[in-house]
Amino acid sequence: MERLNDNAGLELLQSANACLADFFVRFSSTPVAGHDEELRALQQLQQALESVRPLLDGRLQNIPGDEVSHALQCYRQNLIRLRTQLSLMQQSAIAQRERLDCRQFHLANAKAWCAISRATV
């Protein structure tokens, strides 16, 4: 029975690693666009990470075997890479927000200028 739980834990960890790898393929080196695809991918990533979290209390680390050890090492590396990727995405989103705020400011000024121009004609 315990072996079955060990296998299930390993499968969850491998699934989380696959989800992280897919996320990196899809979103590394691309600016944040604010599409639904990004939101869905982040939600999927959150679910994968939350599914592994309960197993990180020492259960996975205590399972003997190279496969588990390798999957844990890969997971750690993926988390470090994810931290960097999320930081880059945040910076991209902030820059995009600044561009949009600037555009909105210019549009508001143009609208005011048009209103004043019509009033003086």
Protein backbone atom coordinates (compact mmCIF):
# COMPACT_ATOMS: atom_id res chain seq x y z
CA MET A 1 0.00 0.00 0.00
CA GLU A 2 2.81 2.38 0.89
CA ARG A 3 4.52 1.65 -2.44
CA LEU A 4 1.31 2.69 -4.19
CA ASN A 5 1.36 6.02 -2.33
CA ASP A 6 5.04 6.45 -3.22
CA ASN A 7 4.25 5.92 -6.89
CA ALA A 8 1.33 8.36 -6.74
CA GLY A 9 3.58 10.96 -5.11
CA LEU A 10 6.25 10.46 -7.74
CA GLU A 11 3.65 10.77 -10.51
CA LEU A 12 2.36 14.04 -9.01
CA LEU A 13 5.89 15.39 -8.85
CA GLN A 14 6.63 14.35 -12.42
CA SER A 15 3.35 15.89 -13.54
CA ALA A 16 4.24 19.16 -11.82
CA ASN A 17 7.66 19.12 -13.51
CA ALA A 18 5.97 18.55 -16.88
CA CYS A 19 3.57 21.43 -16.22
CA LEU A 20 6.50 23.70 -15.34
CA ALA A 21 8.38 22.64 -18.47
CA ASP A 22 5.33 23.37 -20.64
CA PHE A 23 4.98 26.78 -19.00
CA PHE A 24 8.61 27.63 -19.73
CA VAL A 25 8.28 26.56 -23.37
CA ARG A 26 5.17 28.67 -23.86
CA PHE A 27 6.13 31.83 -21.97
CA SER A 28 9.89 32.17 -21.66
CA SER A 29 11.27 35.23 -23.41
CA THR A 30 7.84 36.54 -24.38
CA PRO A 31 6.36 39.76 -23.10
CA VAL A 32 3.18 39.59 -21.06
CA ALA A 33 0.21 40.15 -23.34
CA GLY A 34 -2.60 39.71 -20.84
CA HIS A 35 -4.30 36.95 -22.83
CA ASP A 36 -6.58 34.35 -21.31
CA GLU A 37 -4.00 31.73 -22.28
CA GLU A 38 -1.53 33.26 -19.83
CA LEU A 39 -4.08 33.29 -17.05
CA ARG A 40 -5.10 29.68 -17.69
CA ALA A 41 -1.46 28.59 -17.76
CA LEU A 42 -0.77 30.34 -14.46
CA GLN A 43 -3.85 28.76 -12.90
CA GLN A 44 -2.81 25.33 -14.16
CA LEU A 45 0.66 25.91 -12.78
CA GLN A 46 -0.76 26.93 -9.41
CA GLN A 47 -2.85 23.75 -9.26
CA ALA A 48 0.16 21.60 -10.10
CA LEU A 49 2.30 23.25 -7.43
CA GLU A 50 -0.45 22.96 -4.83
CA SER A 51 -0.87 19.26 -5.61
CA VAL A 52 2.79 18.63 -4.79
CA ARG A 53 3.00 20.83 -1.70
CA PRO A 54 1.52 18.29 0.77
CA LEU A 55 4.12 15.73 -0.33
CA LEU A 56 7.04 18.01 0.45
CA ASP A 57 6.78 17.39 4.19
CA GLY A 58 9.49 14.76 3.91
CA ARG A 59 7.50 11.92 2.40
CA LEU A 60 8.96 12.30 -1.07
CA GLN A 61 12.44 12.94 0.24
CA ASN A 62 12.30 9.68 2.22
CA ILE A 63 11.36 7.51 -0.76
CA PRO A 64 14.42 5.54 -1.82
CA GLY A 65 15.50 5.52 -5.43
CA ASP A 66 17.20 7.60 -8.05
CA GLU A 67 13.97 8.38 -9.89
CA VAL A 68 12.49 10.28 -6.95
CA SER A 69 15.80 11.99 -6.21
CA HIS A 70 16.09 13.11 -9.83
CA ALA A 71 12.47 14.33 -9.93
CA LEU A 72 13.00 16.34 -6.72
CA GLN A 73 16.19 17.87 -8.07
CA CYS A 74 14.39 18.79 -11.29
CA TYR A 75 11.52 20.27 -9.26
CA ARG A 76 13.91 22.45 -7.24
CA GLN A 77 15.59 23.71 -10.41
CA ASN A 78 12.19 24.39 -11.96
CA LEU A 79 11.11 26.42 -8.92
CA ILE A 80 14.25 28.55 -9.15
CA ARG A 81 13.64 29.06 -12.86
CA LEU A 82 9.97 29.84 -12.17
CA ARG A 83 10.92 32.55 -9.69
CA THR A 84 13.04 34.20 -12.36
CA GLN A 85 10.38 33.76 -15.04
CA LEU A 86 7.62 35.23 -12.85
CA SER A 87 9.84 38.19 -12.03
CA LEU A 88 10.42 38.82 -15.75
CA MET A 89 6.70 38.51 -16.42
CA GLN A 90 5.96 40.97 -13.62
CA GLN A 91 8.44 43.47 -15.05
CA SER A 92 6.91 43.05 -18.49
CA ALA A 93 3.39 43.56 -17.11
CA ILE A 94 4.50 46.71 -15.25
CA ALA A 95 6.09 48.12 -18.41
CA GLN A 96 2.96 47.29 -20.41
CA ARG A 97 0.80 48.99 -17.77
CA GLU A 98 3.00 52.11 -17.94
CA ARG A 99 2.64 52.21 -21.74
CA LEU A 100 -1.13 51.85 -21.45
CA ASP A 101 -1.34 54.57 -18.79
CA CYS A 102 0.71 56.89 -21.01
CA ARG A 103 -1.54 56.14 -23.97
CA GLN A 104 -4.64 56.78 -21.87
CA PHE A 105 -3.19 60.11 -20.75
CA HIS A 106 -2.47 61.15 -24.34
CA LEU A 107 -5.95 60.10 -25.46
CA ALA A 108 -7.56 62.07 -22.65
CA ASN A 109 -5.54 65.14 -23.66
CA ALA A 110 -6.48 64.69 -27.32
CA LYS A 111 -10.13 64.35 -26.35
CA ALA A 112 -9.95 67.54 -24.29
CA TRP A 113 -8.21 69.38 -27.13
CA CYS A 114 -10.93 68.24 -29.56
CA ALA A 115 -13.64 69.41 -27.18
CA ILE A 116 -11.97 72.83 -26.80
CA SER A 117 -11.44 73.09 -30.57
CA ARG A 118 -15.12 72.41 -31.24
CA ALA A 119 -16.16 74.95 -28.63
CA THR A 120 -14.08 77.72 -30.22
CA VAL A 121 -15.32 77.06 -33.76
